């Protein structure tokens, strides 16, 4: 539900949290990068049928690819994130955005 033109979403960290979020009318569920290897969580998120936002900051390319295969066709956005703040320019790896696009 949009409030003041904003769409809300959240990142569940366990299956119970997925069930909790699913009782609300949120359009998206965001999967945190630290959760991309939690197969049970990913399956629960997919089973909601909601659109998914995937964060990649703390994951390897292989972990991201595996999670995307599990979550498809629900994935709407893939975020090329950095998990250190402030981030030095040489740590940003902006070329990873091209990899994710491909």
C-alpha atoms as a PDB file:
ATOM      1  CA  UNK A   1       0.000   0.000   0.000  1.00  0.00           C
ATOM      2  CA  UNK A   2       1.400   3.366  -0.942  1.00  0.00           C
ATOM      3  CA  UNK A   3       1.346   6.020   1.735  1.00  0.00           C
ATOM      4  CA  UNK A   4       2.191   9.551   0.648  1.00  0.00           C
ATOM      5  CA  UNK A   5       3.267   8.050  -2.676  1.00  0.00           C
ATOM      6  CA  UNK A   6       5.814   5.691  -1.092  1.00  0.00           C
ATOM      7  CA  UNK A   7       5.800   1.923  -1.459  1.00  0.00           C
ATOM      8  CA  UNK A   8       7.100   0.060   1.578  1.00  0.00           C
ATOM      9  CA  UNK A   9       8.926  -3.240   1.730  1.00  0.00           C
ATOM     10  CA  UNK A  10      11.107  -5.120   4.184  1.00  0.00           C
ATOM     11  CA  UNK A  11      13.828  -7.771   4.359  1.00  0.00           C
ATOM     12  CA  UNK A  12      12.842 -10.873   6.299  1.00  0.00           C
ATOM     13  CA  UNK A  13      15.661 -12.784   7.997  1.00  0.00           C
ATOM     14  CA  UNK A  14      13.764 -16.021   8.641  1.00  0.00           C
ATOM     15  CA  UNK A  15      10.739 -17.928   7.365  1.00  0.00           C
ATOM     16  CA  UNK A  16       8.553 -16.673  10.222  1.00  0.00           C
ATOM     17  CA  UNK A  17       9.294 -13.100   9.140  1.00  0.00           C
ATOM     18  CA  UNK A  18       8.285 -13.951   5.557  1.00  0.00           C
ATOM     19  CA  UNK A  19       4.961 -15.240   6.887  1.00  0.00           C
ATOM     20  CA  UNK A  20       4.555 -12.083   8.978  1.00  0.00           C
ATOM     21  CA  UNK A  21       5.226  -9.785   6.002  1.00  0.00           C
ATOM     22  CA  UNK A  22       2.942 -11.795   3.748  1.00  0.00           C
ATOM     23  CA  UNK A  23      -0.094 -10.839   5.835  1.00  0.00           C
ATOM     24  CA  UNK A  24       0.371  -7.206   4.756  1.00  0.00           C
ATOM     25  CA  UNK A  25      -0.238  -5.678   1.370  1.00  0.00           C
ATOM     26  CA  UNK A  26       3.388  -4.953   0.512  1.00  0.00           C
ATOM     27  CA  UNK A  27       4.231  -5.160  -3.174  1.00  0.00           C
ATOM     28  CA  UNK A  28       7.862  -6.237  -2.696  1.00  0.00           C
ATOM     29  CA  UNK A  29       9.998  -8.353  -0.422  1.00  0.00           C
ATOM     30  CA  UNK A  30      13.694  -7.506  -0.323  1.00  0.00           C
ATOM     31  CA  UNK A  31      16.205 -10.286   0.203  1.00  0.00           C
ATOM     32  CA  UNK A  32      19.303  -9.074   2.028  1.00  0.00           C
ATOM     33  CA  UNK A  33      22.628 -10.132   0.555  1.00  0.00           C
ATOM     34  CA  UNK A  34      23.497 -12.000   3.746  1.00  0.00           C
ATOM     35  CA  UNK A  35      20.405 -14.174   3.185  1.00  0.00           C
ATOM     36  CA  UNK A  36      21.125 -15.271  -0.397  1.00  0.00           C
ATOM     37  CA  UNK A  37      22.433 -18.636   0.777  1.00  0.00           C
ATOM     38  CA  UNK A  38      19.389 -19.349   2.982  1.00  0.00           C
ATOM     39  CA  UNK A  39      17.532 -21.679   0.618  1.00  0.00           C
ATOM     40  CA  UNK A  40      14.570 -22.176   2.961  1.00  0.00           C
ATOM     41  CA  UNK A  41      14.103 -18.406   3.229  1.00  0.00           C
ATOM     42  CA  UNK A  42      14.409 -17.895  -0.543  1.00  0.00           C
ATOM     43  CA  UNK A  43      11.794 -20.578  -1.206  1.00  0.00           C
ATOM     44  CA  UNK A  44       9.433 -19.001   1.336  1.00  0.00           C
ATOM     45  CA  UNK A  45       9.891 -15.590  -0.320  1.00  0.00           C
ATOM     46  CA  UNK A  46       9.221 -17.055  -3.767  1.00  0.00           C
ATOM     47  CA  UNK A  47       6.120 -18.857  -2.510  1.00  0.00           C
ATOM     48  CA  UNK A  48       4.535 -15.516  -1.529  1.00  0.00           C
ATOM     49  CA  UNK A  49       4.278 -14.625  -5.214  1.00  0.00           C
ATOM     50  CA  UNK A  50       5.388 -11.084  -4.405  1.00  0.00           C
ATOM     51  CA  UNK A  51       7.943  -9.190  -6.468  1.00  0.00           C
ATOM     52  CA  UNK A  52      11.470  -9.543  -5.108  1.00  0.00           C
ATOM     53  CA  UNK A  53      14.313  -7.078  -4.696  1.00  0.00           C
ATOM     54  CA  UNK A  54      17.692  -8.810  -4.346  1.00  0.00           C
ATOM     55  CA  UNK A  55      20.632  -7.128  -2.638  1.00  0.00           C
ATOM     56  CA  UNK A  56      24.129  -8.379  -3.541  1.00  0.00           C
ATOM     57  CA  UNK A  57      26.591  -6.548  -1.283  1.00  0.00           C
ATOM     58  CA  UNK A  58      27.807  -9.433   0.869  1.00  0.00           C
ATOM     59  CA  UNK A  59      27.516 -12.196  -1.722  1.00  0.00           C
ATOM     60  CA  UNK A  60      29.696 -13.822  -4.320  1.00  0.00           C
ATOM     61  CA  UNK A  61      28.641 -13.865  -7.961  1.00  0.00           C
ATOM     62  CA  UNK A  62      27.922 -17.588  -7.661  1.00  0.00           C
ATOM     63  CA  UNK A  63      25.666 -17.024  -4.656  1.00  0.00           C
ATOM     64  CA  UNK A  64      23.808 -14.269  -6.490  1.00  0.00           C
ATOM     65  CA  UNK A  65      23.315 -16.435  -9.585  1.00  0.00           C
ATOM     66  CA  UNK A  66      22.048 -19.364  -7.512  1.00  0.00           C
ATOM     67  CA  UNK A  67      19.602 -17.158  -5.601  1.00  0.00           C
ATOM     68  CA  UNK A  68      18.314 -15.590  -8.825  1.00  0.00           C
ATOM     69  CA  UNK A  69      17.644 -19.036 -10.295  1.00  0.00           C
ATOM     70  CA  UNK A  70      15.685 -19.976  -7.174  1.00  0.00           C
ATOM     71  CA  UNK A  71      13.690 -16.739  -7.065  1.00  0.00           C
ATOM     72  CA  UNK A  72      12.857 -16.359 -10.763  1.00  0.00           C
ATOM     73  CA  UNK A  73      10.464 -15.231 -12.148  1.00  0.00           C
ATOM     74  CA  UNK A  74       9.669 -13.066  -9.086  1.00  0.00           C
ATOM     75  CA  UNK A  75      12.859 -10.950  -9.237  1.00  0.00           C
ATOM     76  CA  UNK A  76      12.050  -7.362 -10.156  1.00  0.00           C
ATOM     77  CA  UNK A  77      15.262  -5.571  -9.101  1.00  0.00           C
ATOM     78  CA  UNK A  78      18.874  -6.566  -8.398  1.00  0.00           C
ATOM     79  CA  UNK A  79      20.842  -4.100  -6.301  1.00  0.00           C
ATOM     80  CA  UNK A  80      24.604  -3.895  -6.751  1.00  0.00           C
ATOM     81  CA  UNK A  81      25.396  -2.929  -3.172  1.00  0.00           C
ATOM     82  CA  UNK A  82      28.476  -2.195  -1.154  1.00  0.00           C
ATOM     83  CA  UNK A  83      28.492  -3.353   2.445  1.00  0.00           C
ATOM     84  CA  UNK A  84      31.186  -1.053   3.785  1.00  0.00           C
ATOM     85  CA  UNK A  85      30.536   2.568   4.646  1.00  0.00           C
ATOM     86  CA  UNK A  86      32.053   4.914   3.813  1.00  0.00           C
ATOM     87  CA  UNK A  87      33.242   3.104   0.724  1.00  0.00           C
ATOM     88  CA  UNK A  88      36.517   3.870  -0.945  1.00  0.00           C
ATOM     89  CA  UNK A  89      36.129   4.350  -4.719  1.00  0.00           C
ATOM     90  CA  UNK A  90      38.441   1.412  -5.495  1.00  0.00           C
ATOM     91  CA  UNK A  91      36.154  -0.889  -3.437  1.00  0.00           C
ATOM     92  CA  UNK A  92      32.957  -0.046  -5.314  1.00  0.00           C
ATOM     93  CA  UNK A  93      33.389  -2.426  -8.267  1.00  0.00           C
ATOM     94  CA  UNK A  94      30.858  -0.579 -10.399  1.00  0.00           C
ATOM     95  CA  UNK A  95      31.592  -2.966 -13.261  1.00  0.00           C
ATOM     96  CA  UNK A  96      29.614  -5.569 -11.305  1.00  0.00           C
ATOM     97  CA  UNK A  97      26.488  -3.712 -12.430  1.00  0.00           C
ATOM     98  CA  UNK A  98      27.307  -4.725 -16.018  1.00  0.00           C
ATOM     99  CA  UNK A  99      27.812  -8.325 -14.874  1.00  0.00           C
ATOM    100  CA  UNK A 100      24.446  -8.355 -13.131  1.00  0.00           C
ATOM    101  CA  UNK A 101      22.759  -6.844 -16.181  1.00  0.00           C
ATOM    102  CA  UNK A 102      24.161  -9.593 -18.396  1.00  0.00           C
END
